Amino acid sequence: MDPEIHHSSSPGISEHQMDSNLRMTINYRERCRMHDLNAALDELRSVIPYAHGTTVRKLSKIATLLLAKNHIIMQMKAIDELKTVIGELREQVKSLEENPKRKSPSPRSD
């Protein structure tokens, strides 16, 4: 390998300057990435119930993600329960349509 061959395509720019410019570019990209991540987490905190309660400090990143995960799981369970109720109600409607003379159960009074 010839020691006279430089990897730089720009004459007059030292390797140190190139490394410095590359590091600045990488740092800038990382700052932008972190800014975007923090903005997304702030948006997530704003829509999660209990995330903006009486606590003085905002939730940490991990706490935000765990709370969001738990909220999603609770919503999925609620949806499953509602699907079950809808299925039961459809069966009742079908039964009433098939037997229209049958008296429907009266509402209970407690």
PDB file of N, CA and C in Angstrom:
ATOM      1  N   MET A   1       0.835  -1.164   0.000  1.00  0.00           N
ATOM      2  CA  MET A   1       0.000   0.000   0.000  1.00  0.00           C
ATOM      3  C   MET A   1       0.883   1.231   0.000  1.00  0.00           C
ATOM      4  N   ASP A   2       0.540   2.203  -0.812  1.00  0.00           N
ATOM      5  CA  ASP A   2       1.330   3.421  -0.948  1.00  0.00           C
ATOM      6  C   ASP A   2       0.940   4.415   0.145  1.00  0.00           C
ATOM      7  N   PRO A   3       1.878   4.823   1.025  1.00  0.00           N
ATOM      8  CA  PRO A   3       1.558   5.773   2.088  1.00  0.00           C
ATOM      9  C   PRO A   3       1.201   7.152   1.563  1.00  0.00           C
ATOM     10  N   GLU A   4       1.497   7.431   0.307  1.00  0.00           N
ATOM     11  CA  GLU A   4       1.195   8.739  -0.265  1.00  0.00           C
ATOM     12  C   GLU A   4      -0.272   8.884  -0.662  1.00  0.00           C
ATOM     13  N   ILE A   5      -0.977   7.767  -0.777  1.00  0.00           N
ATOM     14  CA  ILE A   5      -2.381   7.814  -1.186  1.00  0.00           C
ATOM     15  C   ILE A   5      -3.226   8.211   0.018  1.00  0.00           C
ATOM     16  N   HIS A   6      -4.029   9.256  -0.161  1.00  0.00           N
ATOM     17  CA  HIS A   6      -4.906   9.732   0.905  1.00  0.00           C
ATOM     18  C   HIS A   6      -6.329   9.287   0.599  1.00  0.00           C
ATOM     19  N   HIS A   7      -7.094   9.038   1.627  1.00  0.00           N
ATOM     20  CA  HIS A   7      -8.482   8.629   1.462  1.00  0.00           C
ATOM     21  C   HIS A   7      -9.387   9.821   1.234  1.00  0.00           C
ATOM     22  N   SER A   8      -8.869  11.008   1.358  1.00  0.00           N
ATOM     23  CA  SER A   8      -9.676  12.214   1.211  1.00  0.00           C
ATOM     24  C   SER A   8      -9.859  12.546  -0.257  1.00  0.00           C
ATOM     25  N   SER A   9     -11.085  12.894  -0.608  1.00  0.00           N
ATOM     26  CA  SER A   9     -11.341  13.310  -1.980  1.00  0.00           C
ATOM     27  C   SER A   9     -11.259  14.821  -2.095  1.00  0.00           C
ATOM     28  N   SER A  10     -11.187  15.519  -0.949  1.00  0.00           N
ATOM     29  CA  SER A  10     -11.112  16.977  -0.949  1.00  0.00           C
ATOM     30  C   SER A  10      -9.697  17.400  -0.586  1.00  0.00           C
ATOM     31  N   PRO A  11      -8.986  18.010  -1.522  1.00  0.00           N
ATOM     32  CA  PRO A  11      -7.626  18.446  -1.201  1.00  0.00           C
ATOM     33  C   PRO A  11      -7.659  19.585  -0.181  1.00  0.00           C
ATOM     34  N   GLY A  12      -6.707  19.577   0.729  1.00  0.00           N
ATOM     35  CA  GLY A  12      -6.593  20.653   1.699  1.00  0.00           C
ATOM     36  C   GLY A  12      -7.339  20.401   2.993  1.00  0.00           C
ATOM     37  N   ILE A  13      -8.116  19.335   3.085  1.00  0.00           N
ATOM     38  CA  ILE A  13      -8.828  19.024   4.322  1.00  0.00           C
ATOM     39  C   ILE A  13      -8.077  17.897   5.019  1.00  0.00           C
ATOM     40  N   SER A  14      -7.679  18.148   6.241  1.00  0.00           N
ATOM     41  CA  SER A  14      -6.918  17.142   6.973  1.00  0.00           C
ATOM     42  C   SER A  14      -7.837  16.022   7.440  1.00  0.00           C
ATOM     43  N   GLU A  15      -7.213  14.899   7.766  1.00  0.00           N
ATOM     44  CA  GLU A  15      -7.984  13.761   8.258  1.00  0.00           C
ATOM     45  C   GLU A  15      -8.659  14.120   9.581  1.00  0.00           C
ATOM     46  N   HIS A  16      -7.991  14.928  10.388  1.00  0.00           N
ATOM     47  CA  HIS A  16      -8.571  15.360  11.664  1.00  0.00           C
ATOM     48  C   HIS A  16      -9.833  16.193  11.429  1.00  0.00           C
ATOM     49  N   GLN A  17      -9.791  17.077  10.431  1.00  0.00           N
ATOM     50  CA  GLN A  17     -10.972  17.889  10.115  1.00  0.00           C
ATOM     51  C   GLN A  17     -12.114  17.004   9.619  1.00  0.00           C
ATOM     52  N   MET A  18     -11.771  16.013   8.804  1.00  0.00           N
ATOM     53  CA  MET A  18     -12.803  15.106   8.299  1.00  0.00           C
ATOM     54  C   MET A  18     -13.428  14.328   9.452  1.00  0.00           C
ATOM     55  N   ASP A  19     -12.587  13.838  10.362  1.00  0.00           N
ATOM     56  CA  ASP A  19     -13.103  13.113  11.524  1.00  0.00           C
ATOM     57  C   ASP A  19     -13.976  14.021  12.374  1.00  0.00           C
ATOM     58  N   SER A  20     -13.547  15.259  12.531  1.00  0.00           N
ATOM     59  CA  SER A  20     -14.309  16.223  13.322  1.00  0.00           C
ATOM     60  C   SER A  20     -15.655  16.519  12.663  1.00  0.00           C
ATOM     61  N   ASN A  21     -15.651  16.711  11.348  1.00  0.00           N
ATOM     62  CA  ASN A  21     -16.900  16.965  10.621  1.00  0.00           C
ATOM     63  C   ASN A  21     -17.832  15.753  10.686  1.00  0.00           C
ATOM     64  N   LEU A  22     -17.261  14.573  10.547  1.00  0.00           N
ATOM     65  CA  LEU A  22     -18.059  13.357  10.624  1.00  0.00           C
ATOM     66  C   LEU A  22     -18.681  13.226  12.013  1.00  0.00           C
ATOM     67  N   ARG A  23     -17.886  13.479  13.052  1.00  0.00           N
ATOM     68  CA  ARG A  23     -18.385  13.394  14.422  1.00  0.00           C
ATOM     69  C   ARG A  23     -19.495  14.414  14.650  1.00  0.00           C
ATOM     70  N   MET A  24     -19.340  15.626  14.125  1.00  0.00           N
ATOM     71  CA  MET A  24     -20.374  16.657  14.276  1.00  0.00           C
ATOM     72  C   MET A  24     -21.665  16.222  13.578  1.00  0.00           C
ATOM     73  N   THR A  25     -21.533  15.630  12.402  1.00  0.00           N
ATOM     74  CA  THR A  25     -22.702  15.155  11.666  1.00  0.00           C
ATOM     75  C   THR A  25     -23.405  14.036  12.430  1.00  0.00           C
ATOM     76  N   ILE A  26     -22.628  13.100  12.945  1.00  0.00           N
ATOM     77  CA  ILE A  26     -23.196  11.992  13.718  1.00  0.00           C
ATOM     78  C   ILE A  26     -23.884  12.522  14.972  1.00  0.00           C
ATOM     79  N   ASN A  27     -23.241  13.458  15.668  1.00  0.00           N
ATOM     80  CA  ASN A  27     -23.833  14.044  16.878  1.00  0.00           C
ATOM     81  C   ASN A  27     -25.134  14.769  16.562  1.00  0.00           C
ATOM     82  N   TYR A  28     -25.159  15.494  15.446  1.00  0.00           N
ATOM     83  CA  TYR A  28     -26.367  16.222  15.047  1.00  0.00           C
ATOM     84  C   TYR A  28     -27.511  15.247  14.775  1.00  0.00           C
ATOM     85  N   ARG A  29     -27.214  14.177  14.051  1.00  0.00           N
ATOM     86  CA  ARG A  29     -28.240  13.171  13.766  1.00  0.00           C
ATOM     87  C   ARG A  29     -28.764  12.542  15.057  1.00  0.00           C
ATOM     88  N   GLU A  30     -27.861  12.257  15.986  1.00  0.00           N
ATOM     89  CA  GLU A  30     -28.278  11.653  17.252  1.00  0.00           C
ATOM     90  C   GLU A  30     -29.136  12.625  18.063  1.00  0.00           C
ATOM     91  N   ARG A  31     -28.774  13.907  18.080  1.00  0.00           N
ATOM     92  CA  ARG A  31     -29.596  14.903  18.780  1.00  0.00           C
ATOM     93  C   ARG A  31     -30.985  14.978  18.163  1.00  0.00           C
ATOM     94  N   CYS A  32     -31.059  14.956  16.843  1.00  0.00           N
ATOM     95  CA  CYS A  32     -32.363  14.984  16.159  1.00  0.00           C
ATOM     96  C   CYS A  32     -33.173  13.736  16.482  1.00  0.00           C
ATOM     97  N   ARG A  33     -32.514  12.595  16.496  1.00  0.00           N
ATOM     98  CA  ARG A  33     -33.196  11.339  16.805  1.00  0.00           C
ATOM     99  C   ARG A  33     -33.754  11.377  18.226  1.00  0.00           C
ATOM    100  N   MET A  34     -32.946  11.840  19.172  1.00  0.00           N
ATOM    101  CA  MET A  34     -33.394  11.918  20.566  1.00  0.00           C
ATOM    102  C   MET A  34     -34.515  12.943  20.726  1.00  0.00           C
ATOM    103  N   HIS A  35     -34.419  14.045  20.001  1.00  0.00           N
ATOM    104  CA  HIS A  35     -35.479  15.054  20.053  1.00  0.00           C
ATOM    105  C   HIS A  35     -36.796  14.451  19.546  1.00  0.00           C
ATOM    106  N   ASP A  36     -36.734  13.727  18.436  1.00  0.00           N
ATOM    107  CA  ASP A  36     -37.929  13.080  17.885  1.00  0.00           C
ATOM    108  C   ASP A  36     -38.496  12.041  18.857  1.00  0.00           C
ATOM    109  N   LEU A  37     -37.615  11.253  19.468  1.00  0.00           N
ATOM    110  CA  LEU A  37     -38.053  10.243  20.436  1.00  0.00           C
ATOM    111  C   LEU A  37     -38.725  10.903  21.641  1.00  0.00           C
ATOM    112  N   ASN A  38     -38.112  11.957  22.171  1.00  0.00           N
ATOM    113  CA  ASN A  38     -38.690  12.654  23.325  1.00  0.00           C
ATOM    114  C   ASN A  38     -40.027  13.299  22.976  1.00  0.00           C
ATOM    115  N   ALA A  39     -40.139  13.849  21.778  1.00  0.00           N
ATOM    116  CA  ALA A  39     -41.408  14.447  21.351  1.00  0.00           C
ATOM    117  C   ALA A  39     -42.493  13.373  21.250  1.00  0.00           C
ATOM    118  N   ALA A  40     -42.134  12.208  20.715  1.00  0.00           N
ATOM    119  CA  ALA A  40     -43.098  11.111  20.602  1.00  0.00           C
ATOM    120  C   ALA A  40     -43.524  10.623  21.987  1.00  0.00           C
ATOM    121  N   LEU A  41     -42.585  10.536  22.918  1.00  0.00           N
ATOM    122  CA  LEU A  41     -42.929  10.120  24.282  1.00  0.00           C
ATOM    123  C   LEU A  41     -43.818  11.156  24.964  1.00  0.00           C
ATOM    124  N   ASP A  42     -43.567  12.431  24.719  1.00  0.00           N
ATOM    125  CA  ASP A  42     -44.432  13.481  25.275  1.00  0.00           C
ATOM    126  C   ASP A  42     -45.853  13.347  24.731  1.00  0.00           C
ATOM    127  N   GLU A  43     -45.975  13.065  23.432  1.00  0.00           N
ATOM    128  CA  GLU A  43     -47.303  12.856  22.842  1.00  0.00           C
ATOM    129  C   GLU A  43     -47.985  11.642  23.465  1.00  0.00           C
ATOM    130  N   LEU A  44     -47.222  10.579  23.675  1.00  0.00           N
ATOM    131  CA  LEU A  44     -47.776   9.375  24.291  1.00  0.00           C
ATOM    132  C   LEU A  44     -48.246   9.676  25.714  1.00  0.00           C
ATOM    133  N   ARG A  45     -47.438  10.418  26.478  1.00  0.00           N
ATOM    134  CA  ARG A  45     -47.838  10.790  27.844  1.00  0.00           C
ATOM    135  C   ARG A  45     -49.134  11.586  27.849  1.00  0.00           C
ATOM    136  N   SER A  46     -49.338  12.392  26.814  1.00  0.00           N
ATOM    137  CA  SER A  46     -50.518  13.261  26.788  1.00  0.00           C
ATOM    138  C   SER A  46     -51.817  12.484  26.559  1.00  0.00           C
ATOM    139  N   VAL A  47     -51.739  11.272  26.032  1.00  0.00           N
ATOM    140  CA  VAL A  47     -52.959  10.506  25.754  1.00  0.00           C
ATOM    141  C   VAL A  47     -53.156   9.311  26.680  1.00  0.00           C
ATOM    142  N   ILE A  48     -52.173   9.028  27.522  1.00  0.00           N
ATOM    143  CA  ILE A  48     -52.306   7.906  28.446  1.00  0.00           C
ATOM    144  C   ILE A  48     -53.021   8.388  29.706  1.00  0.00           C
ATOM    145  N   PRO A  49     -54.110   7.712  30.082  1.00  0.00           N
ATOM    146  CA  PRO A  49     -54.751   8.083  31.348  1.00  0.00           C
ATOM    147  C   PRO A  49     -53.766   7.894  32.504  1.00  0.00           C
ATOM    148  N   TYR A  50     -53.876   8.730  33.478  1.00  0.00           N
ATOM    149  CA  TYR A  50     -53.059   8.685  34.693  1.00  0.00           C
ATOM    150  C   TYR A  50     -51.623   9.153  34.476  1.00  0.00           C
ATOM    151  N   ALA A  51     -51.225   9.447  33.254  1.00  0.00           N
ATOM    152  CA  ALA A  51     -49.847   9.878  33.013  1.00  0.00           C
ATOM    153  C   ALA A  51     -49.653  11.340  33.369  1.00  0.00           C
ATOM    154  N   HIS A  52     -50.724  12.083  33.438  1.00  0.00           N
ATOM    155  CA  HIS A  52     -50.599  13.507  33.753  1.00  0.00           C
ATOM    156  C   HIS A  52     -51.444  13.834  34.976  1.00  0.00           C
ATOM    157  N   GLY A  53     -51.260  13.016  35.982  1.00  0.00           N
ATOM    158  CA  GLY A  53     -52.017  13.191  37.218  1.00  0.00           C
ATOM    159  C   GLY A  53     -51.366  14.199  38.145  1.00  0.00           C
ATOM    160  N   THR A  54     -51.363  13.875  39.421  1.00  0.00           N
ATOM    161  CA  THR A  54     -50.890  14.814  40.435  1.00  0.00           C
ATOM    162  C   THR A  54     -49.386  14.743  40.664  1.00  0.00           C
ATOM    163  N   THR A  55     -48.693  13.899  39.928  1.00  0.00           N
ATOM    164  CA  THR A  55     -47.247  13.799  40.127  1.00  0.00           C
ATOM    165  C   THR A  55     -46.571  15.082  39.677  1.00  0.00           C
ATOM    166  N   VAL A  56     -45.517  15.442  40.381  1.00  0.00           N
ATOM    167  CA  VAL A  56     -44.805  16.681  40.076  1.00  0.00           C
ATOM    168  C   VAL A  56     -43.924  16.499  38.847  1.00  0.00           C
ATOM    169  N   ARG A  57     -43.257  15.365  38.781  1.00  0.00           N
ATOM    170  CA  ARG A  57     -42.334  15.119  37.670  1.00  0.00           C
ATOM    171  C   ARG A  57     -43.028  14.316  36.577  1.00  0.00           C
ATOM    172  N   LYS A  58     -42.592  14.543  35.345  1.00  0.00           N
ATOM    173  CA  LYS A  58     -43.166  13.742  34.263  1.00  0.00           C
ATOM    174  C   LYS A  58     -42.608  12.325  34.349  1.00  0.00           C
ATOM    175  N   LEU A  59     -43.356  11.408  33.783  1.00  0.00           N
ATOM    176  CA  LEU A  59     -42.955  10.007  33.827  1.00  0.00           C
ATOM    177  C   LEU A  59     -41.660   9.787  33.057  1.00  0.00           C
ATOM    178  N   SER A  60     -40.865   8.842  33.520  1.00  0.00           N
ATOM    179  CA  SER A  60     -39.654   8.473  32.792  1.00  0.00           C
ATOM    180  C   SER A  60     -40.053   7.768  31.496  1.00  0.00           C
ATOM    181  N   LYS A  61     -39.080   7.567  30.643  1.00  0.00           N
ATOM    182  CA  LYS A  61     -39.358   6.893  29.368  1.00  0.00           C
ATOM    183  C   LYS A  61     -39.888   5.481  29.606  1.00  0.00           C
ATOM    184  N   ILE A  62     -39.222   4.744  30.489  1.00  0.00           N
ATOM    185  CA  ILE A  62     -39.646   3.366  30.735  1.00  0.00           C
ATOM    186  C   ILE A  62     -41.013   3.333  31.404  1.00  0.00           C
ATOM    187  N   ALA A  63     -41.259   4.243  32.345  1.00  0.00           N
ATOM    188  CA  ALA A  63     -42.568   4.282  33.009  1.00  0.00           C
ATOM    189  C   ALA A  63     -43.666   4.616  32.001  1.00  0.00           C
ATOM    190  N   THR A  64     -43.376   5.520  31.077  1.00  0.00           N
ATOM    191  CA  THR A  64     -44.344   5.881  30.039  1.00  0.00           C
ATOM    192  C   THR A  64     -44.678   4.669  29.176  1.00  0.00           C
ATOM    193  N   LEU A  65     -43.657   3.944  28.751  1.00  0.00           N
ATOM    194  CA  LEU A  65     -43.883   2.773  27.901  1.00  0.00           C
ATOM    195  C   LEU A  65     -44.632   1.669  28.646  1.00  0.00           C
ATOM    196  N   LEU A  66     -44.281   1.445  29.908  1.00  0.00           N
ATOM    197  CA  LEU A  66     -44.977   0.413  30.685  1.00  0.00           C
ATOM    198  C   LEU A  66     -46.435   0.788  30.928  1.00  0.00           C
ATOM    199  N   LEU A  67     -46.679   2.047  31.237  1.00  0.00           N
ATOM    200  CA  LEU A  67     -48.052   2.496  31.448  1.00  0.00           C
ATOM    201  C   LEU A  67     -48.861   2.375  30.159  1.00  0.00           C
ATOM    202  N   ALA A  68     -48.250   2.734  29.035  1.00  0.00           N
ATOM    203  CA  ALA A  68     -48.932   2.610  27.739  1.00  0.00           C
ATOM    204  C   ALA A  68     -49.234   1.147  27.432  1.00  0.00           C
ATOM    205  N   LYS A  69     -48.273   0.274  27.691  1.00  0.00           N
ATOM    206  CA  LYS A  69     -48.483  -1.159  27.456  1.00  0.00           C
ATOM    207  C   LYS A  69     -49.639  -1.681  28.303  1.00  0.00           C
ATOM    208  N   ASN A  70     -49.646  -1.339  29.578  1.00  0.00           N
ATOM    209  CA  ASN A  70     -50.718  -1.798  30.467  1.00  0.00           C
ATOM    210  C   ASN A  70     -52.071  -1.239  30.042  1.00  0.00           C
ATOM    211  N   HIS A  71     -52.086   0.007  29.599  1.00  0.00           N
ATOM    212  CA  HIS A  71     -53.335   0.612  29.135  1.00  0.00           C
ATOM    213  C   HIS A  71     -53.856  -0.117  27.891  1.00  0.00           C
ATOM    214  N   ILE A  72     -52.966  -0.444  26.984  1.00  0.00           N
ATOM    215  CA  ILE A  72     -53.359  -1.171  25.771  1.00  0.00           C
ATOM    216  C   ILE A  72     -53.911  -2.551  26.135  1.00  0.00           C
ATOM    217  N   ILE A  73     -53.255  -3.233  27.072  1.00  0.00           N
ATOM    218  CA  ILE A  73     -53.735  -4.554  27.502  1.00  0.00           C
ATOM    219  C   ILE A  73     -55.129  -4.436  28.108  1.00  0.00           C
ATOM    220  N   MET A  74     -55.345  -3.424  28.957  1.00  0.00           N
ATOM    221  CA  MET A  74     -56.672  -3.225  29.554  1.00  0.00           C
ATOM    222  C   MET A  74     -57.717  -2.950  28.482  1.00  0.00           C
ATOM    223  N   GLN A  75     -57.367  -2.152  27.480  1.00  0.00           N
ATOM    224  CA  GLN A  75     -58.310  -1.851  26.404  1.00  0.00           C
ATOM    225  C   GLN A  75     -58.633  -3.104  25.598  1.00  0.00           C
ATOM    226  N   MET A  76     -57.630  -3.946  25.361  1.00  0.00           N
ATOM    227  CA  MET A  76     -57.869  -5.191  24.630  1.00  0.00           C
ATOM    228  C   MET A  76     -58.815  -6.106  25.405  1.00  0.00           C
ATOM    229  N   LYS A  77     -58.629  -6.184  26.731  1.00  0.00           N
ATOM    230  CA  LYS A  77     -59.522  -7.006  27.556  1.00  0.00           C
ATOM    231  C   LYS A  77     -60.937  -6.448  27.532  1.00  0.00           C
ATOM    232  N   ALA A  78     -61.063  -5.128  27.599  1.00  0.00           N
ATOM    233  CA  ALA A  78     -62.395  -4.505  27.558  1.00  0.00           C
ATOM    234  C   ALA A  78     -63.075  -4.792  26.225  1.00  0.00           C
ATOM    235  N   ILE A  79     -62.321  -4.732  25.140  1.00  0.00           N
ATOM    236  CA  ILE A  79     -62.878  -5.028  23.816  1.00  0.00           C
ATOM    237  C   ILE A  79     -63.357  -6.476  23.760  1.00  0.00           C
ATOM    238  N   ASP A  80     -62.543  -7.395  24.285  1.00  0.00           N
ATOM    239  CA  ASP A  80     -62.946  -8.811  24.297  1.00  0.00           C
ATOM    240  C   ASP A  80     -64.230  -9.012  25.094  1.00  0.00           C
ATOM    241  N   GLU A  81     -64.322  -8.349  26.251  1.00  0.00           N
ATOM    242  CA  GLU A  81     -65.535  -8.464  27.067  1.00  0.00           C
ATOM    243  C   GLU A  81     -66.750  -7.904  26.323  1.00  0.00           C
ATOM    244  N   LEU A  82     -66.561  -6.778  25.647  1.00  0.00           N
ATOM    245  CA  LEU A  82     -67.667  -6.185  24.887  1.00  0.00           C
ATOM    246  C   LEU A  82     -68.088  -7.082  23.728  1.00  0.00           C
ATOM    247  N   LYS A  83     -67.123  -7.725  23.091  1.00  0.00           N
ATOM    248  CA  LYS A  83     -67.458  -8.661  22.015  1.00  0.00           C
ATOM    249  C   LYS A  83     -68.301  -9.814  22.552  1.00  0.00           C
ATOM    250  N   THR A  84     -67.970 -10.279  23.746  1.00  0.00           N
ATOM    251  CA  THR A  84     -68.751 -11.351  24.369  1.00  0.00           C
ATOM    252  C   THR A  84     -70.174 -10.880  24.642  1.00  0.00           C
ATOM    253  N   VAL A  85     -70.313  -9.688  25.192  1.00  0.00           N
ATOM    254  CA  VAL A  85     -71.639  -9.134  25.480  1.00  0.00           C
ATOM    255  C   VAL A  85     -72.432  -8.966  24.192  1.00  0.00           C
ATOM    256  N   ILE A  86     -71.787  -8.457  23.154  1.00  0.00           N
ATOM    257  CA  ILE A  86     -72.469  -8.282  21.865  1.00  0.00           C
ATOM    258  C   ILE A  86     -72.949  -9.630  21.337  1.00  0.00           C
ATOM    259  N   GLY A  87     -72.104 -10.646  21.441  1.00  0.00           N
ATOM    260  CA  GLY A  87     -72.497 -11.984  20.995  1.00  0.00           C
ATOM    261  C   GLY A  87     -73.701 -12.502  21.758  1.00  0.00           C
ATOM    262  N   GLU A  88     -73.696 -12.293  23.079  1.00  0.00           N
ATOM    263  CA  GLU A  88     -74.832 -12.734  23.896  1.00  0.00           C
ATOM    264  C   GLU A  88     -76.100 -11.974  23.521  1.00  0.00           C
ATOM    265  N   LEU A  89     -75.981 -10.678  23.300  1.00  0.00           N
ATOM    266  CA  LEU A  89     -77.150  -9.876  22.917  1.00  0.00           C
ATOM    267  C   LEU A  89     -77.683 -10.289  21.548  1.00  0.00           C
ATOM    268  N   ARG A  90     -76.795 -10.602  20.629  1.00  0.00           N
ATOM    269  CA  ARG A  90     -77.237 -11.065  19.303  1.00  0.00           C
ATOM    270  C   ARG A  90     -78.010 -12.375  19.425  1.00  0.00           C
ATOM    271  N   GLU A  91     -77.523 -13.254  20.290  1.00  0.00           N
ATOM    272  CA  GLU A  91     -78.233 -14.517  20.513  1.00  0.00           C
ATOM    273  C   GLU A  91     -79.620 -14.261  21.097  1.00  0.00           C
ATOM    274  N   GLN A  92     -79.715 -13.311  22.017  1.00  0.00           N
ATOM    275  CA  GLN A  92     -81.018 -12.980  22.599  1.00  0.00           C
ATOM    276  C   GLN A  92     -81.959 -12.400  21.546  1.00  0.00           C
ATOM    277  N   VAL A  93     -81.437 -11.517  20.700  1.00  0.00           N
ATOM    278  CA  VAL A  93     -82.257 -10.930  19.632  1.00  0.00           C
ATOM    279  C   VAL A  93     -82.727 -12.022  18.686  1.00  0.00           C
ATOM    280  N   LYS A  94     -81.808 -12.903  18.313  1.00  0.00           N
ATOM    281  CA  LYS A  94     -82.161 -14.008  17.411  1.00  0.00           C
ATOM    282  C   LYS A  94     -83.250 -14.880  18.042  1.00  0.00           C
ATOM    283  N   SER A  95     -83.099 -15.170  19.314  1.00  0.00           N
ATOM    284  CA  SER A  95     -84.088 -15.986  20.019  1.00  0.00           C
ATOM    285  C   SER A  95     -85.441 -15.287  20.058  1.00  0.00           C
ATOM    286  N   LEU A  96     -85.450 -13.997  20.310  1.00  0.00           N
ATOM    287  CA  LEU A  96     -86.703 -13.235  20.339  1.00  0.00           C
ATOM    288  C   LEU A  96     -87.343 -13.158  18.963  1.00  0.00           C
ATOM    289  N   GLU A  97     -86.515 -13.047  17.926  1.00  0.00           N
ATOM    290  CA  GLU A  97     -87.059 -12.999  16.562  1.00  0.00           C
ATOM    291  C   GLU A  97     -87.677 -14.340  16.173  1.00  0.00           C
ATOM    292  N   GLU A  98     -87.067 -15.425  16.633  1.00  0.00           N
ATOM    293  CA  GLU A  98     -87.584 -16.758  16.322  1.00  0.00           C
ATOM    294  C   GLU A  98     -88.841 -17.073  17.128  1.00  0.00           C
ATOM    295  N   ASN A  99     -88.968 -16.524  18.307  1.00  0.00           N
ATOM    296  CA  ASN A  99     -90.113 -16.768  19.194  1.00  0.00           C
ATOM    297  C   ASN A  99     -90.705 -15.430  19.633  1.00  0.00           C
ATOM    298  N   PRO A 100     -91.371 -14.721  18.732  1.00  0.00           N
ATOM    299  CA  PRO A 100     -91.837 -13.372  19.067  1.00  0.00           C
ATOM    300  C   PRO A 100     -92.909 -13.342  20.151  1.00  0.00           C
ATOM    301  N   LYS A 101     -93.653 -14.430  20.346  1.00  0.00           N
ATOM    302  CA  LYS A 101     -94.722 -14.431  21.343  1.00  0.00           C
ATOM    303  C   LYS A 101     -94.183 -14.658  22.746  1.00  0.00           C
ATOM    304  N   ARG A 102     -92.959 -15.123  22.818  1.00  0.00           N
ATOM    305  CA  ARG A 102     -92.348 -15.384  24.121  1.00  0.00           C
ATOM    306  C   ARG A 102     -92.085 -14.067  24.835  1.00  0.00           C
ATOM    307  N   LYS A 103     -92.432 -14.017  26.068  1.00  0.00           N
ATOM    308  CA  LYS A 103     -92.293 -12.785  26.837  1.00  0.00           C
ATOM    309  C   LYS A 103     -90.822 -12.582  27.204  1.00  0.00           C
ATOM    310  N   SER A 104     -90.330 -11.362  26.997  1.00  0.00           N
ATOM    311  CA  SER A 104     -88.948 -11.078  27.368  1.00  0.00           C
ATOM    312  C   SER A 104     -88.865 -10.894  28.875  1.00  0.00           C
ATOM    313  N   PRO A 105     -87.717 -11.211  29.450  1.00  0.00           N
ATOM    314  CA  PRO A 105     -87.588 -11.067  30.900  1.00  0.00           C
ATOM    315  C   PRO A 105     -87.743  -9.608  31.308  1.00  0.00           C
ATOM    316  N   SER A 106     -88.480  -9.400  32.391  1.00  0.00           N
ATOM    317  CA  SER A 106     -88.680  -8.025  32.856  1.00  0.00           C
ATOM    318  C   SER A 106     -87.429  -7.553  33.583  1.00  0.00           C
ATOM    319  N   PRO A 107     -87.165  -6.252  33.495  1.00  0.00           N
ATOM    320  CA  PRO A 107     -85.972  -5.732  34.177  1.00  0.00           C
ATOM    321  C   PRO A 107     -86.112  -5.895  35.680  1.00  0.00           C
ATOM    322  N   ARG A 108     -85.009  -6.246  36.302  1.00  0.00           N
ATOM    323  CA  ARG A 108     -85.017  -6.434  37.750  1.00  0.00           C
ATOM    324  C   ARG A 108     -84.984  -5.089  38.444  1.00  0.00           C
ATOM    325  N   SER A 109     -85.706  -4.987  39.525  1.00  0.00           N
ATOM    326  CA  SER A 109     -85.636  -3.767  40.326  1.00  0.00           C
ATOM    327  C   SER A 109     -85.032  -4.138  41.667  1.00  0.00           C
ATOM    328  N   ASP A 110     -83.918  -3.521  41.967  1.00  0.00           N
ATOM    329  CA  ASP A 110     -83.218  -3.829  43.227  1.00  0.00           C
ATOM    330  C   ASP A 110     -83.623  -2.890  44.319  1.00  0.00           C
TER     331      ASP A 110
END
